[in-house]
């Protein structure tokens, strides 16, 4: 199964945060699943790190490289077709990063492993 992580699911998985549900952790860790990560997630975290809202104990690039490699994740590039879906989404959610992740999931027809915080 292909899965797309939201930003917080990625963070909670790589930091082994107990707030990530056991089911979500199991799905992400299952090597038979293709786990996807949107550039929107590392863009969002880069902004939060730069303004002091999300401190990292290691350099940003090392944190993401390790998380992606250790989790055997694949980056799902943002394409024009994803932005086209975004352009027609209703404004139920105003977070631009989440909206892009939602658009990618819709276009790619993959479920999102999501949390309700960030």
C-alpha atoms as a PDB file:
ATOM      1  CA  UNK A   1       0.000   0.000   0.000  1.00  0.00           C
ATOM      2  CA  UNK A   2       1.161   3.536  -0.721  1.00  0.00           C
ATOM      3  CA  UNK A   3       0.840   6.022   2.157  1.00  0.00           C
ATOM      4  CA  UNK A   4       1.484   9.755   2.321  1.00  0.00           C
ATOM      5  CA  UNK A   5       2.578  11.148   5.681  1.00  0.00           C
ATOM      6  CA  UNK A   6       1.479  14.489   6.981  1.00  0.00           C
ATOM      7  CA  UNK A   7       4.183  16.596   8.606  1.00  0.00           C
ATOM      8  CA  UNK A   8       3.437  15.661  12.172  1.00  0.00           C
ATOM      9  CA  UNK A   9       3.200  11.937  11.403  1.00  0.00           C
ATOM     10  CA  UNK A  10       6.696  12.145   9.928  1.00  0.00           C
ATOM     11  CA  UNK A  11       8.028  14.023  12.957  1.00  0.00           C
ATOM     12  CA  UNK A  12       6.377  11.728  15.478  1.00  0.00           C
ATOM     13  CA  UNK A  13       7.615   8.646  13.633  1.00  0.00           C
ATOM     14  CA  UNK A  14      11.253   9.727  13.369  1.00  0.00           C
ATOM     15  CA  UNK A  15      11.368  11.044  16.940  1.00  0.00           C
ATOM     16  CA  UNK A  16       9.571   7.949  18.275  1.00  0.00           C
ATOM     17  CA  UNK A  17       6.933  10.166  19.862  1.00  0.00           C
ATOM     18  CA  UNK A  18       4.279   8.133  21.727  1.00  0.00           C
ATOM     19  CA  UNK A  19       1.587  10.493  20.410  1.00  0.00           C
ATOM     20  CA  UNK A  20       1.748   8.630  17.082  1.00  0.00           C
ATOM     21  CA  UNK A  21      -0.839   5.878  17.224  1.00  0.00           C
ATOM     22  CA  UNK A  22       0.316   2.260  17.233  1.00  0.00           C
ATOM     23  CA  UNK A  23      -1.616   1.665  14.005  1.00  0.00           C
ATOM     24  CA  UNK A  24       0.054   4.602  12.249  1.00  0.00           C
ATOM     25  CA  UNK A  25       3.497   3.532  13.495  1.00  0.00           C
ATOM     26  CA  UNK A  26       2.857   0.001  12.296  1.00  0.00           C
ATOM     27  CA  UNK A  27       1.750   1.158   8.830  1.00  0.00           C
ATOM     28  CA  UNK A  28       4.784   3.421   8.445  1.00  0.00           C
ATOM     29  CA  UNK A  29       7.225   0.760   9.672  1.00  0.00           C
ATOM     30  CA  UNK A  30       5.755  -1.973   7.467  1.00  0.00           C
ATOM     31  CA  UNK A  31       8.350  -2.423   4.723  1.00  0.00           C
ATOM     32  CA  UNK A  32       5.700  -3.772   2.356  1.00  0.00           C
ATOM     33  CA  UNK A  33       4.162  -0.272   2.281  1.00  0.00           C
ATOM     34  CA  UNK A  34       5.545   2.540   0.167  1.00  0.00           C
ATOM     35  CA  UNK A  35       5.756   5.499   2.537  1.00  0.00           C
ATOM     36  CA  UNK A  36       5.728   8.873   0.791  1.00  0.00           C
ATOM     37  CA  UNK A  37       6.775  12.271   2.105  1.00  0.00           C
ATOM     38  CA  UNK A  38       5.873  15.563   0.477  1.00  0.00           C
ATOM     39  CA  UNK A  39       8.431  18.362   0.117  1.00  0.00           C
ATOM     40  CA  UNK A  40       5.710  20.459   1.754  1.00  0.00           C
ATOM     41  CA  UNK A  41       6.609  18.733   5.035  1.00  0.00           C
ATOM     42  CA  UNK A  42      10.280  19.623   5.055  1.00  0.00           C
ATOM     43  CA  UNK A  43       9.452  23.099   3.775  1.00  0.00           C
ATOM     44  CA  UNK A  44       7.022  23.578   6.675  1.00  0.00           C
ATOM     45  CA  UNK A  45       9.541  22.351   9.249  1.00  0.00           C
ATOM     46  CA  UNK A  46      12.323  24.503   7.758  1.00  0.00           C
ATOM     47  CA  UNK A  47      10.148  27.553   8.334  1.00  0.00           C
ATOM     48  CA  UNK A  48       9.266  26.489  11.878  1.00  0.00           C
ATOM     49  CA  UNK A  49      12.940  25.818  12.681  1.00  0.00           C
ATOM     50  CA  UNK A  50      13.970  29.200  11.255  1.00  0.00           C
ATOM     51  CA  UNK A  51      11.493  31.105  13.435  1.00  0.00           C
ATOM     52  CA  UNK A  52      12.236  29.065  16.557  1.00  0.00           C
ATOM     53  CA  UNK A  53       8.923  27.164  16.733  1.00  0.00           C
ATOM     54  CA  UNK A  54      10.493  23.716  16.266  1.00  0.00           C
ATOM     55  CA  UNK A  55      13.975  23.251  17.680  1.00  0.00           C
ATOM     56  CA  UNK A  56      16.153  20.435  16.371  1.00  0.00           C
ATOM     57  CA  UNK A  57      19.071  18.907  18.247  1.00  0.00           C
ATOM     58  CA  UNK A  58      20.879  18.070  14.996  1.00  0.00           C
ATOM     59  CA  UNK A  59      21.286  20.067  11.775  1.00  0.00           C
ATOM     60  CA  UNK A  60      18.110  20.286   9.703  1.00  0.00           C
ATOM     61  CA  UNK A  61      19.437  18.436   6.651  1.00  0.00           C
ATOM     62  CA  UNK A  62      20.880  15.591   8.733  1.00  0.00           C
ATOM     63  CA  UNK A  63      17.579  15.249  10.631  1.00  0.00           C
ATOM     64  CA  UNK A  64      15.554  14.856   7.444  1.00  0.00           C
ATOM     65  CA  UNK A  65      18.051  12.672   5.610  1.00  0.00           C
ATOM     66  CA  UNK A  66      18.240  10.290   8.558  1.00  0.00           C
ATOM     67  CA  UNK A  67      14.455  10.191   8.988  1.00  0.00           C
ATOM     68  CA  UNK A  68      13.817   9.574   5.311  1.00  0.00           C
ATOM     69  CA  UNK A  69      16.555   6.957   4.966  1.00  0.00           C
ATOM     70  CA  UNK A  70      15.857   5.150   8.249  1.00  0.00           C
ATOM     71  CA  UNK A  71      12.138   5.094   7.476  1.00  0.00           C
ATOM     72  CA  UNK A  72      12.816   3.983   3.892  1.00  0.00           C
ATOM     73  CA  UNK A  73      10.572   6.787   2.677  1.00  0.00           C
ATOM     74  CA  UNK A  74      10.216   8.136  -0.833  1.00  0.00           C
ATOM     75  CA  UNK A  75       9.881  11.829  -1.617  1.00  0.00           C
ATOM     76  CA  UNK A  76       6.722  12.536  -3.620  1.00  0.00           C
ATOM     77  CA  UNK A  77       7.698  15.562  -5.731  1.00  0.00           C
ATOM     78  CA  UNK A  78       5.198  18.366  -6.077  1.00  0.00           C
ATOM     79  CA  UNK A  79       4.019  18.535  -9.692  1.00  0.00           C
ATOM     80  CA  UNK A  80       1.768  20.947 -11.565  1.00  0.00           C
ATOM     81  CA  UNK A  81      -1.001  18.321 -11.470  1.00  0.00           C
ATOM     82  CA  UNK A  82      -0.914  18.440  -7.650  1.00  0.00           C
ATOM     83  CA  UNK A  83      -1.174  22.228  -7.693  1.00  0.00           C
ATOM     84  CA  UNK A  84      -4.092  21.952 -10.123  1.00  0.00           C
ATOM     85  CA  UNK A  85      -6.000  19.879  -7.555  1.00  0.00           C
ATOM     86  CA  UNK A  86      -5.047  22.432  -4.900  1.00  0.00           C
ATOM     87  CA  UNK A  87      -6.496  25.233  -7.011  1.00  0.00           C
ATOM     88  CA  UNK A  88      -9.934  23.624  -6.849  1.00  0.00           C
ATOM     89  CA  UNK A  89      -9.994  22.541  -3.180  1.00  0.00           C
ATOM     90  CA  UNK A  90     -12.611  24.178  -0.979  1.00  0.00           C
ATOM     91  CA  UNK A  91     -11.168  26.214   1.900  1.00  0.00           C
ATOM     92  CA  UNK A  92     -12.042  23.713   4.642  1.00  0.00           C
ATOM     93  CA  UNK A  93      -8.449  23.859   5.761  1.00  0.00           C
ATOM     94  CA  UNK A  94      -6.326  26.993   5.516  1.00  0.00           C
ATOM     95  CA  UNK A  95      -2.850  25.590   6.233  1.00  0.00           C
ATOM     96  CA  UNK A  96      -1.031  25.782   2.862  1.00  0.00           C
ATOM     97  CA  UNK A  97       1.257  22.829   3.629  1.00  0.00           C
ATOM     98  CA  UNK A  98      -1.609  20.561   4.635  1.00  0.00           C
ATOM     99  CA  UNK A  99      -3.563  21.687   1.579  1.00  0.00           C
ATOM    100  CA  UNK A 100      -0.712  20.631  -0.704  1.00  0.00           C
ATOM    101  CA  UNK A 101      -0.383  17.263   1.048  1.00  0.00           C
ATOM    102  CA  UNK A 102      -4.145  16.767   0.690  1.00  0.00           C
ATOM    103  CA  UNK A 103      -3.947  17.687  -3.002  1.00  0.00           C
ATOM    104  CA  UNK A 104      -1.127  15.235  -3.588  1.00  0.00           C
ATOM    105  CA  UNK A 105      -3.069  12.486  -1.830  1.00  0.00           C
ATOM    106  CA  UNK A 106      -6.164  13.171  -3.910  1.00  0.00           C
ATOM    107  CA  UNK A 107      -4.279  13.166  -7.194  1.00  0.00           C
ATOM    108  CA  UNK A 108      -2.154  10.120  -6.322  1.00  0.00           C
ATOM    109  CA  UNK A 109      -5.159   8.349  -4.783  1.00  0.00           C
ATOM    110  CA  UNK A 110      -3.263   7.456  -1.611  1.00  0.00           C
ATOM    111  CA  UNK A 111      -4.375   7.667   2.009  1.00  0.00           C
ATOM    112  CA  UNK A 112      -2.776  10.199   4.332  1.00  0.00           C
ATOM    113  CA  UNK A 113      -1.354   9.102   7.662  1.00  0.00           C
ATOM    114  CA  UNK A 114      -2.415  12.199   9.546  1.00  0.00           C
ATOM    115  CA  UNK A 115      -2.490  13.659  13.005  1.00  0.00           C
ATOM    116  CA  UNK A 116      -4.669  16.483  14.142  1.00  0.00           C
ATOM    117  CA  UNK A 117      -1.886  18.664  15.593  1.00  0.00           C
ATOM    118  CA  UNK A 118       0.780  21.055  14.384  1.00  0.00           C
END
